[in-house]
Amino acid sequence: MSKSKCLLFINNMGYYAAHGLRGSILEDLLNKTNQEYYDDDLAVIQKVPTPIKPVELDHSKGVITLAYFDAKSTVDYIGNVQGYPVCFDAKETKGNNLPLSNIHEHQIDFMGKFASQGGISFILVYFTDHNRFMAMEIKQLEKIWTESKSGGRKSIPIDWFDEDLEIHSHSRYLVHYLEVIEKIINK
């Protein structure tokens, strides 16, 4: 699928305009891509649910009406790609920068430890105003994170992302990040 078709797909998902559903577009695109990867025996990647503790239930409707986060989540996606363990966190942002406040220290720690065990860790960012999907390996993210704690920038400009790790649509794969994983492996 071309970028223009992907943008058309996104624009036709009007019910995602609510502020509270930020990230839903990217999550839906990734979930659809992951299902295609699974169906094609290319990868087994799953969305990691955020653990919650239900407080109030509406038994008549069978829904949770009040809950709180039970524990810090680690990353959004985890799995295996052709024998390589992979984890990544997906972020969506407007404008030209990804605020570092959108990333949590425990996520950086988890991805760093995952990579130190031989896994592939990265963030995948959808810059909505540019309709661009970019990846950044944990090593580069850790460096930026450390510099921010010492008075450095508090956001990551889009031009700090390696253009070689830009993610494109391809055929049925709306966010074809396997090409980026291949590039990371071949480094």
N, C-alpha and C. Protein backbone atom coordinates (compact mmCIF):
# COMPACT_ATOMS: atom_id res chain seq x y z
N MET A 1 0.85 -1.17 0.00
CA MET A 1 0.00 0.00 0.00
C MET A 1 0.89 1.24 0.00
N SER A 2 0.60 2.18 -0.84
CA SER A 2 1.40 3.40 -0.94
C SER A 2 1.09 4.32 0.24
N LYS A 3 1.96 5.33 0.43
CA LYS A 3 1.72 6.29 1.50
C LYS A 3 0.40 7.01 1.31
N SER A 4 0.05 7.33 0.05
CA SER A 4 -1.20 8.04 -0.18
C SER A 4 -2.40 7.16 0.18
N LYS A 5 -2.32 5.86 -0.11
CA LYS A 5 -3.40 4.95 0.28
C LYS A 5 -3.46 4.80 1.79
N CYS A 6 -2.29 4.77 2.43
CA CYS A 6 -2.25 4.67 3.88
C CYS A 6 -2.87 5.92 4.50
N LEU A 7 -2.54 7.10 3.96
CA LEU A 7 -3.11 8.34 4.45
C LEU A 7 -4.61 8.35 4.23
N LEU A 8 -5.09 7.87 3.09
CA LEU A 8 -6.51 7.78 2.83
C LEU A 8 -7.18 6.87 3.84
N PHE A 9 -6.55 5.75 4.15
CA PHE A 9 -7.07 4.81 5.15
C PHE A 9 -7.20 5.54 6.49
N ILE A 10 -6.16 6.29 6.86
CA ILE A 10 -6.17 7.00 8.13
C ILE A 10 -7.25 8.08 8.13
N ASN A 11 -7.34 8.85 7.06
CA ASN A 11 -8.32 9.93 7.00
C ASN A 11 -9.75 9.43 7.05
N ASN A 12 -10.00 8.22 6.59
CA ASN A 12 -11.34 7.67 6.63
C ASN A 12 -11.72 7.09 7.98
N MET A 13 -10.80 7.15 8.93
CA MET A 13 -11.06 6.65 10.27
C MET A 13 -11.44 7.82 11.18
N GLY A 14 -12.47 8.58 10.80
CA GLY A 14 -12.83 9.82 11.46
C GLY A 14 -13.12 9.71 12.93
N TYR A 15 -13.60 8.59 13.40
CA TYR A 15 -13.95 8.47 14.79
C TYR A 15 -12.73 8.50 15.71
N TYR A 16 -11.53 8.55 15.16
CA TYR A 16 -10.33 8.63 15.98
C TYR A 16 -9.91 10.06 16.26
N ALA A 17 -10.74 11.02 15.93
CA ALA A 17 -10.36 12.41 16.09
C ALA A 17 -10.34 12.84 17.56
N ALA A 18 -10.99 12.11 18.44
CA ALA A 18 -11.05 12.49 19.85
C ALA A 18 -9.65 12.46 20.46
N HIS A 19 -9.37 13.47 21.29
CA HIS A 19 -8.06 13.59 21.93
C HIS A 19 -7.72 12.37 22.76
N GLY A 20 -8.69 11.78 23.42
CA GLY A 20 -8.47 10.65 24.29
C GLY A 20 -8.06 9.39 23.57
N LEU A 21 -8.18 9.36 22.26
CA LEU A 21 -7.83 8.17 21.50
C LEU A 21 -6.53 8.33 20.72
N ARG A 22 -5.68 9.28 21.16
CA ARG A 22 -4.39 9.43 20.49
C ARG A 22 -3.66 8.11 20.53
N GLY A 23 -3.00 7.76 19.47
CA GLY A 23 -2.28 6.50 19.41
C GLY A 23 -3.13 5.37 18.85
N SER A 24 -4.43 5.57 18.79
CA SER A 24 -5.31 4.51 18.30
C SER A 24 -5.09 4.24 16.82
N ILE A 25 -4.82 5.27 16.05
CA ILE A 25 -4.58 5.07 14.62
C ILE A 25 -3.35 4.19 14.43
N LEU A 26 -2.26 4.57 15.08
CA LEU A 26 -1.03 3.80 14.95
C LEU A 26 -1.23 2.38 15.47
N GLU A 27 -1.89 2.24 16.60
CA GLU A 27 -2.13 0.91 17.15
C GLU A 27 -2.94 0.04 16.19
N ASP A 28 -3.98 0.61 15.60
CA ASP A 28 -4.79 -0.15 14.63
C ASP A 28 -3.96 -0.56 13.42
N LEU A 29 -3.15 0.36 12.90
CA LEU A 29 -2.31 0.04 11.75
C LEU A 29 -1.31 -1.06 12.08
N LEU A 30 -0.72 -0.97 13.27
CA LEU A 30 0.25 -2.00 13.68
C LEU A 30 -0.44 -3.34 13.91
N ASN A 31 -1.60 -3.32 14.53
CA ASN A 31 -2.31 -4.58 14.77
C ASN A 31 -2.69 -5.25 13.46
N LYS A 32 -3.13 -4.48 12.49
CA LYS A 32 -3.45 -5.04 11.17
C LYS A 32 -2.19 -5.59 10.49
N THR A 33 -1.10 -4.85 10.57
CA THR A 33 0.17 -5.31 10.00
C THR A 33 0.63 -6.59 10.68
N ASN A 34 0.56 -6.62 12.01
CA ASN A 34 1.00 -7.80 12.75
C ASN A 34 0.17 -9.02 12.40
N GLN A 35 -1.13 -8.83 12.17
CA GLN A 35 -1.97 -9.96 11.77
C GLN A 35 -1.54 -10.48 10.39
N GLU A 36 -1.22 -9.58 9.48
CA GLU A 36 -0.75 -9.98 8.15
C GLU A 36 0.59 -10.71 8.26
N TYR A 37 1.50 -10.19 9.09
CA TYR A 37 2.77 -10.88 9.31
C TYR A 37 2.53 -12.29 9.85
N TYR A 38 1.63 -12.41 10.80
CA TYR A 38 1.30 -13.71 11.40
C TYR A 38 0.72 -14.65 10.34
N ASP A 39 -0.24 -14.14 9.58
CA ASP A 39 -0.88 -14.96 8.53
C ASP A 39 0.12 -15.43 7.48
N ASP A 40 1.14 -14.61 7.21
CA ASP A 40 2.14 -14.93 6.20
C ASP A 40 3.36 -15.65 6.79
N ASP A 41 3.28 -16.04 8.06
CA ASP A 41 4.37 -16.75 8.76
C ASP A 41 5.68 -15.96 8.76
N LEU A 42 5.59 -14.64 8.86
CA LEU A 42 6.78 -13.80 8.88
C LEU A 42 7.20 -13.44 10.30
N ALA A 43 6.23 -13.29 11.20
CA ALA A 43 6.52 -12.86 12.56
C ALA A 43 5.34 -13.18 13.47
N VAL A 44 5.64 -13.28 14.75
CA VAL A 44 4.60 -13.41 15.77
C VAL A 44 4.85 -12.27 16.76
N ILE A 45 4.11 -11.20 16.57
CA ILE A 45 4.24 -10.01 17.41
C ILE A 45 2.88 -9.74 18.02
N GLN A 46 2.87 -9.52 19.35
CA GLN A 46 1.61 -9.27 20.03
C GLN A 46 1.63 -7.94 20.75
N LYS A 47 0.46 -7.35 20.85
CA LYS A 47 0.25 -6.14 21.64
C LYS A 47 0.29 -6.55 23.10
N VAL A 48 1.06 -5.83 23.89
CA VAL A 48 1.15 -6.10 25.33
C VAL A 48 0.06 -5.28 26.02
N PRO A 49 -0.89 -5.94 26.67
CA PRO A 49 -1.94 -5.17 27.34
C PRO A 49 -1.40 -4.46 28.58
N THR A 50 -1.94 -3.28 28.85
CA THR A 50 -1.57 -2.56 30.06
C THR A 50 -2.36 -3.17 31.21
N PRO A 51 -1.66 -3.62 32.26
CA PRO A 51 -2.38 -4.25 33.37
C PRO A 51 -3.25 -3.24 34.12
N ILE A 52 -4.53 -3.59 34.32
CA ILE A 52 -5.44 -2.73 35.06
C ILE A 52 -6.08 -3.50 36.20
N LYS A 53 -6.54 -2.75 37.18
CA LYS A 53 -7.27 -3.32 38.32
C LYS A 53 -8.68 -2.75 38.28
N PRO A 54 -9.67 -3.57 37.95
CA PRO A 54 -11.06 -3.07 37.92
C PRO A 54 -11.51 -2.67 39.32
N VAL A 55 -12.23 -1.55 39.40
CA VAL A 55 -12.76 -1.06 40.66
C VAL A 55 -14.28 -1.17 40.66
N GLU A 56 -14.90 -0.75 39.55
CA GLU A 56 -16.36 -0.83 39.45
C GLU A 56 -16.74 -1.53 38.16
N LEU A 57 -17.74 -2.39 38.25
CA LEU A 57 -18.24 -3.12 37.09
C LEU A 57 -19.72 -2.83 36.90
N ASP A 58 -20.12 -2.74 35.65
CA ASP A 58 -21.54 -2.68 35.31
C ASP A 58 -21.92 -4.08 34.84
N HIS A 59 -22.44 -4.87 35.77
CA HIS A 59 -22.76 -6.27 35.48
C HIS A 59 -23.83 -6.41 34.41
N SER A 60 -24.75 -5.43 34.33
CA SER A 60 -25.83 -5.54 33.34
C SER A 60 -25.29 -5.42 31.91
N LYS A 61 -24.22 -4.63 31.75
CA LYS A 61 -23.61 -4.46 30.42
C LYS A 61 -22.35 -5.29 30.25
N GLY A 62 -21.86 -5.84 31.35
CA GLY A 62 -20.64 -6.65 31.28
C GLY A 62 -19.40 -5.83 30.96
N VAL A 63 -19.32 -4.60 31.51
CA VAL A 63 -18.18 -3.73 31.24
C VAL A 63 -17.58 -3.19 32.54
N ILE A 64 -16.31 -2.85 32.45
CA ILE A 64 -15.63 -2.19 33.56
C ILE A 64 -15.92 -0.70 33.43
N THR A 65 -16.43 -0.08 34.50
CA THR A 65 -16.75 1.34 34.45
C THR A 65 -15.70 2.20 35.14
N LEU A 66 -14.90 1.61 36.02
CA LEU A 66 -13.83 2.34 36.68
C LEU A 66 -12.70 1.37 36.96
N ALA A 67 -11.48 1.79 36.62
CA ALA A 67 -10.30 0.96 36.84
C ALA A 67 -9.09 1.86 37.00
N TYR A 68 -8.02 1.31 37.54
CA TYR A 68 -6.76 2.04 37.59
C TYR A 68 -5.65 1.12 37.11
N PHE A 69 -4.56 1.74 36.69
CA PHE A 69 -3.43 0.96 36.21
C PHE A 69 -2.81 0.21 37.38
N ASP A 70 -2.68 -1.08 37.23
CA ASP A 70 -2.20 -1.96 38.28
C ASP A 70 -0.67 -1.97 38.36
N ALA A 71 -0.02 -1.82 37.23
CA ALA A 71 1.44 -1.84 37.18
C ALA A 71 1.89 -1.05 35.96
N LYS A 72 3.15 -0.65 35.97
CA LYS A 72 3.69 0.06 34.82
C LYS A 72 3.80 -0.92 33.65
N SER A 73 3.38 -0.46 32.49
CA SER A 73 3.56 -1.32 31.31
C SER A 73 5.01 -1.19 30.84
N THR A 74 5.44 -2.16 30.07
CA THR A 74 6.82 -2.13 29.59
C THR A 74 6.85 -1.52 28.19
N VAL A 75 6.53 -2.29 27.19
CA VAL A 75 6.50 -1.82 25.82
C VAL A 75 5.15 -2.17 25.22
N ASP A 76 4.87 -1.62 24.05
CA ASP A 76 3.58 -1.88 23.41
C ASP A 76 3.53 -3.22 22.70
N TYR A 77 4.65 -3.65 22.11
CA TYR A 77 4.66 -4.87 21.29
C TYR A 77 5.89 -5.71 21.62
N ILE A 78 5.70 -7.02 21.58
CA ILE A 78 6.79 -7.94 21.84
C ILE A 78 6.54 -9.23 21.07
N GLY A 79 7.61 -9.87 20.64
CA GLY A 79 7.43 -11.12 19.92
C GLY A 79 8.71 -11.61 19.29
N ASN A 80 8.53 -12.34 18.18
CA ASN A 80 9.65 -12.99 17.52
C ASN A 80 9.53 -12.82 16.01
N VAL A 81 10.63 -12.45 15.40
CA VAL A 81 10.69 -12.28 13.95
C VAL A 81 11.77 -13.21 13.41
N GLN A 82 11.35 -14.30 12.80
CA GLN A 82 12.28 -15.24 12.17
C GLN A 82 13.43 -15.63 13.10
N GLY A 83 13.11 -15.88 14.36
CA GLY A 83 14.11 -16.31 15.33
C GLY A 83 14.75 -15.18 16.12
N TYR A 84 14.42 -13.94 15.83
CA TYR A 84 14.97 -12.80 16.56
C TYR A 84 13.91 -12.26 17.53
N PRO A 85 14.25 -12.19 18.83
CA PRO A 85 13.31 -11.58 19.78
C PRO A 85 13.25 -10.07 19.52
N VAL A 86 12.04 -9.53 19.52
CA VAL A 86 11.82 -8.12 19.18
C VAL A 86 10.86 -7.50 20.18
N CYS A 87 11.17 -6.29 20.60
CA CYS A 87 10.21 -5.49 21.37
C CYS A 87 10.30 -4.05 20.89
N PHE A 88 9.16 -3.39 20.91
CA PHE A 88 9.17 -1.97 20.56
C PHE A 88 7.99 -1.26 21.18
N ASP A 89 8.16 0.03 21.35
CA ASP A 89 7.09 0.88 21.84
C ASP A 89 6.67 1.78 20.69
N ALA A 90 5.38 1.98 20.56
CA ALA A 90 4.84 2.80 19.47
C ALA A 90 4.36 4.13 20.03
N LYS A 91 4.76 5.20 19.38
CA LYS A 91 4.39 6.55 19.80
C LYS A 91 3.81 7.30 18.60
N GLU A 92 2.89 8.18 18.89
CA GLU A 92 2.27 9.00 17.84
C GLU A 92 2.39 10.45 18.29
N THR A 93 2.79 11.34 17.38
CA THR A 93 2.95 12.73 17.75
C THR A 93 2.63 13.64 16.57
N LYS A 94 2.18 14.84 16.90
CA LYS A 94 1.97 15.87 15.89
C LYS A 94 3.25 16.71 15.81
N GLY A 95 3.37 17.49 14.78
CA GLY A 95 4.49 18.40 14.69
C GLY A 95 5.78 17.73 14.27
N ASN A 96 6.89 18.37 14.65
CA ASN A 96 8.21 17.95 14.20
C ASN A 96 9.03 17.23 15.26
N ASN A 97 8.48 17.06 16.47
CA ASN A 97 9.25 16.51 17.58
C ASN A 97 8.46 15.48 18.35
N LEU A 98 9.17 14.50 18.91
CA LEU A 98 8.58 13.56 19.85
C LEU A 98 9.02 14.01 21.24
N PRO A 99 8.09 14.49 22.08
CA PRO A 99 8.46 14.87 23.44
C PRO A 99 8.96 13.65 24.22
N LEU A 100 10.07 13.81 24.91
CA LEU A 100 10.59 12.71 25.72
C LEU A 100 9.66 12.38 26.88
N SER A 101 8.78 13.30 27.23
CA SER A 101 7.80 13.02 28.29
C SER A 101 6.82 11.93 27.86
N ASN A 102 6.76 11.61 26.56
CA ASN A 102 5.91 10.53 26.06
C ASN A 102 6.55 9.16 26.28
N ILE A 103 7.80 9.15 26.70
CA ILE A 103 8.53 7.90 26.95
C ILE A 103 8.86 7.86 28.43
N HIS A 104 8.72 6.71 29.04
CA HIS A 104 8.96 6.59 30.48
C HIS A 104 10.27 5.85 30.73
N GLU A 105 10.90 6.21 31.84
CA GLU A 105 12.20 5.64 32.17
C GLU A 105 12.16 4.11 32.27
N HIS A 106 11.09 3.56 32.82
CA HIS A 106 11.01 2.10 32.93
C HIS A 106 10.92 1.44 31.55
N GLN A 107 10.39 2.16 30.55
CA GLN A 107 10.37 1.64 29.18
C GLN A 107 11.77 1.62 28.59
N ILE A 108 12.52 2.68 28.81
CA ILE A 108 13.91 2.75 28.35
C ILE A 108 14.71 1.61 28.99
N ASP A 109 14.53 1.44 30.31
CA ASP A 109 15.25 0.38 31.02
C ASP A 109 14.90 -1.00 30.45
N PHE A 110 13.61 -1.26 30.24
CA PHE A 110 13.19 -2.56 29.73
C PHE A 110 13.79 -2.82 28.35
N MET A 111 13.67 -1.84 27.45
CA MET A 111 14.20 -2.03 26.09
C MET A 111 15.71 -2.21 26.11
N GLY A 112 16.41 -1.48 26.99
CA GLY A 112 17.85 -1.62 27.10
C GLY A 112 18.25 -3.01 27.58
N LYS A 113 17.55 -3.51 28.60
CA LYS A 113 17.86 -4.86 29.11
C LYS A 113 17.49 -5.92 28.08
N PHE A 114 16.39 -5.70 27.36
CA PHE A 114 15.98 -6.64 26.30
C PHE A 114 17.08 -6.72 25.24
N ALA A 115 17.61 -5.57 24.84
CA ALA A 115 18.68 -5.54 23.84
C ALA A 115 19.96 -6.17 24.38
N SER A 116 20.26 -5.97 25.66
CA SER A 116 21.47 -6.54 26.23
C SER A 116 21.41 -8.07 26.29
N GLN A 117 20.21 -8.63 26.19
CA GLN A 117 20.02 -10.08 26.16
C GLN A 117 19.99 -10.62 24.73
N GLY A 118 20.29 -9.76 23.76
CA GLY A 118 20.35 -10.19 22.37
C GLY A 118 19.10 -9.88 21.57
N GLY A 119 18.15 -9.18 22.18
CA GLY A 119 16.93 -8.83 21.47
C GLY A 119 17.08 -7.53 20.67
N ILE A 120 16.12 -7.29 19.82
CA ILE A 120 16.07 -6.06 19.03
C ILE A 120 15.03 -5.15 19.66
N SER A 121 15.45 -3.95 20.06
CA SER A 121 14.56 -3.00 20.73
C SER A 121 14.59 -1.66 20.01
N PHE A 122 13.43 -1.07 19.85
CA PHE A 122 13.35 0.23 19.20
C PHE A 122 12.03 0.90 19.53
N ILE A 123 11.96 2.19 19.21
CA ILE A 123 10.67 2.88 19.25
C ILE A 123 10.24 3.09 17.80
N LEU A 124 8.96 3.07 17.60
CA LEU A 124 8.37 3.31 16.29
C LEU A 124 7.47 4.53 16.47
N VAL A 125 7.75 5.58 15.73
CA VAL A 125 7.04 6.85 15.91
C VAL A 125 6.30 7.23 14.64
N TYR A 126 5.03 7.57 14.81
CA TYR A 126 4.23 8.08 13.70
C TYR A 126 4.12 9.59 13.86
N PHE A 127 4.76 10.33 12.95
CA PHE A 127 4.66 11.79 12.92
C PHE A 127 3.45 12.12 12.05
N THR A 128 2.32 12.38 12.70
CA THR A 128 1.04 12.50 11.99
C THR A 128 1.02 13.66 11.00
N ASP A 129 1.60 14.79 11.36
CA ASP A 129 1.59 15.95 10.45
C ASP A 129 2.39 15.69 9.18
N HIS A 130 3.33 14.77 9.24
CA HIS A 130 4.19 14.45 8.10
C HIS A 130 3.79 13.14 7.43
N ASN A 131 2.88 12.40 8.06
CA ASN A 131 2.51 11.05 7.61
C ASN A 131 3.76 10.20 7.38
N ARG A 132 4.65 10.22 8.38
CA ARG A 132 5.89 9.46 8.31
C ARG A 132 6.00 8.56 9.54
N PHE A 133 6.45 7.34 9.30
CA PHE A 133 6.70 6.36 10.34
C PHE A 133 8.21 6.19 10.44
N MET A 134 8.76 6.43 11.62
CA MET A 134 10.20 6.37 11.81
C MET A 134 10.53 5.44 12.98
N ALA A 135 11.67 4.77 12.89
CA ALA A 135 12.13 3.92 13.99
C ALA A 135 13.46 4.47 14.51
N MET A 136 13.69 4.22 15.80
CA MET A 136 14.96 4.59 16.41
C MET A 136 15.37 3.45 17.35
N GLU A 137 16.58 2.96 17.15
CA GLU A 137 17.09 1.88 18.00
C GLU A 137 17.29 2.37 19.43
N ILE A 138 17.20 1.43 20.35
CA ILE A 138 17.32 1.76 21.78
C ILE A 138 18.65 2.42 22.10
N LYS A 139 19.74 2.02 21.46
CA LYS A 139 21.05 2.60 21.78
C LYS A 139 21.04 4.12 21.55
N GLN A 140 20.48 4.54 20.43
CA GLN A 140 20.41 5.98 20.14
C GLN A 140 19.44 6.66 21.10
N LEU A 141 18.32 6.02 21.38
CA LEU A 141 17.33 6.58 22.30
C LEU A 141 17.92 6.73 23.70
N GLU A 142 18.68 5.74 24.16
CA GLU A 142 19.31 5.83 25.48
C GLU A 142 20.26 7.02 25.55
N LYS A 143 21.00 7.25 24.49
CA LYS A 143 21.95 8.37 24.45
C LYS A 143 21.19 9.70 24.56
N ILE A 144 20.13 9.86 23.80
CA ILE A 144 19.33 11.09 23.83
C ILE A 144 18.69 11.25 25.21
N TRP A 145 18.19 10.16 25.77
CA TRP A 145 17.56 10.18 27.08
C TRP A 145 18.56 10.65 28.16
N THR A 146 19.76 10.10 28.13
CA THR A 146 20.80 10.46 29.10
C THR A 146 21.17 11.93 28.96
N GLU A 147 21.32 12.41 27.73
CA GLU A 147 21.66 13.81 27.50
C GLU A 147 20.55 14.73 27.99
N SER A 148 19.29 14.30 27.84
CA SER A 148 18.17 15.14 28.30
C SER A 148 18.19 15.28 29.82
N LYS A 149 18.63 14.25 30.52
CA LYS A 149 18.70 14.29 31.99
C LYS A 149 19.82 15.20 32.47
N SER A 150 20.76 15.52 31.56
CA SER A 150 21.88 16.41 31.89
C SER A 150 21.69 17.80 31.29
N GLY A 151 20.44 18.17 31.04
CA GLY A 151 20.14 19.50 30.52
C GLY A 151 19.97 19.57 29.02
N GLY A 152 20.03 18.44 28.33
CA GLY A 152 19.85 18.43 26.87
C GLY A 152 18.40 18.59 26.46
N ARG A 153 18.16 18.43 25.19
CA ARG A 153 16.81 18.59 24.62
C ARG A 153 15.81 17.68 25.32
N LYS A 154 14.59 18.15 25.39
CA LYS A 154 13.50 17.39 26.01
C LYS A 154 12.58 16.78 24.96
N SER A 155 13.02 16.81 23.72
CA SER A 155 12.26 16.20 22.62
C SER A 155 13.23 15.71 21.56
N ILE A 156 12.71 14.85 20.70
CA ILE A 156 13.53 14.31 19.61
C ILE A 156 12.97 14.85 18.29
N PRO A 157 13.73 15.70 17.62
CA PRO A 157 13.27 16.23 16.33
C PRO A 157 13.21 15.11 15.28
N ILE A 158 12.29 15.24 14.36
CA ILE A 158 12.12 14.23 13.31
C ILE A 158 13.41 14.03 12.53
N ASP A 159 14.21 15.09 12.37
CA ASP A 159 15.45 14.95 11.59
C ASP A 159 16.57 14.24 12.36
N TRP A 160 16.34 13.88 13.63
CA TRP A 160 17.31 13.07 14.36
C TRP A 160 17.10 11.58 14.09
N PHE A 161 16.00 11.25 13.45
CA PHE A 161 15.74 9.86 13.11
C PHE A 161 16.49 9.53 11.82
N ASP A 162 17.11 8.37 11.80
CA ASP A 162 17.86 7.90 10.65
C ASP A 162 16.88 7.63 9.51
N GLU A 163 17.04 8.34 8.39
CA GLU A 163 16.12 8.15 7.25
C GLU A 163 16.16 6.71 6.72
N ASP A 164 17.26 6.01 6.99
CA ASP A 164 17.36 4.62 6.57
C ASP A 164 16.40 3.73 7.37
N LEU A 165 15.93 4.24 8.51
CA LEU A 165 15.00 3.48 9.35
C LEU A 165 13.58 4.03 9.24
N GLU A 166 13.29 4.73 8.14
CA GLU A 166 11.91 5.14 7.88
C GLU A 166 11.12 3.91 7.43
N ILE A 167 9.90 3.85 7.89
CA ILE A 167 9.06 2.68 7.63
C ILE A 167 8.02 3.06 6.58
N HIS A 168 7.88 2.20 5.59
CA HIS A 168 6.95 2.45 4.50
C HIS A 168 5.87 1.37 4.47
N SER A 169 4.80 1.68 3.78
CA SER A 169 3.77 0.68 3.53
C SER A 169 4.20 -0.17 2.34
N HIS A 170 3.76 -1.41 2.35
CA HIS A 170 4.09 -2.31 1.25
C HIS A 170 3.00 -3.35 1.14
N SER A 171 2.35 -3.40 0.00
CA SER A 171 1.31 -4.39 -0.24
C SER A 171 0.29 -4.36 0.88
N ARG A 172 0.11 -5.46 1.59
CA ARG A 172 -0.88 -5.53 2.68
C ARG A 172 -0.32 -5.03 4.00
N TYR A 173 0.97 -4.76 4.07
CA TYR A 173 1.60 -4.36 5.32
C TYR A 173 1.56 -2.84 5.45
N LEU A 174 0.62 -2.35 6.26
CA LEU A 174 0.39 -0.92 6.36
C LEU A 174 1.57 -0.17 6.98
N VAL A 175 2.23 -0.80 7.96
CA VAL A 175 3.43 -0.23 8.59
C VAL A 175 4.47 -1.35 8.54
N HIS A 176 5.18 -1.44 7.43
CA HIS A 176 6.06 -2.59 7.15
C HIS A 176 7.41 -2.43 7.85
N TYR A 177 7.38 -2.63 9.17
CA TYR A 177 8.59 -2.43 9.97
C TYR A 177 9.57 -3.59 9.90
N LEU A 178 9.20 -4.71 9.30
CA LEU A 178 10.16 -5.83 9.18
C LEU A 178 11.38 -5.43 8.35
N GLU A 179 11.20 -4.53 7.40
CA GLU A 179 12.34 -4.06 6.61
C GLU A 179 13.34 -3.33 7.50
N VAL A 180 12.84 -2.58 8.49
CA VAL A 180 13.71 -1.88 9.43
C VAL A 180 14.43 -2.87 10.33
N ILE A 181 13.72 -3.90 10.78
CA ILE A 181 14.36 -4.93 11.62
C ILE A 181 15.49 -5.60 10.84
N GLU A 182 15.25 -5.87 9.57
CA GLU A 182 16.30 -6.47 8.73
C GLU A 182 17.53 -5.56 8.66
N LYS A 183 17.30 -4.25 8.52
CA LYS A 183 18.42 -3.31 8.46
C LYS A 183 19.17 -3.27 9.80
N ILE A 184 18.44 -3.35 10.91
CA ILE A 184 19.08 -3.36 12.23
C ILE A 184 19.92 -4.62 12.38
N ILE A 185 19.39 -5.75 11.97
CA ILE A 185 20.12 -7.02 12.06
C ILE A 185 21.40 -6.98 11.22
N ASN A 186 21.33 -6.38 10.04
CA ASN A 186 22.46 -6.36 9.12
C ASN A 186 23.52 -5.31 9.45
N LYS A 187 23.28 -4.48 10.45
CA LYS A 187 24.28 -3.47 10.83
C LYS A 187 25.51 -4.10 11.40
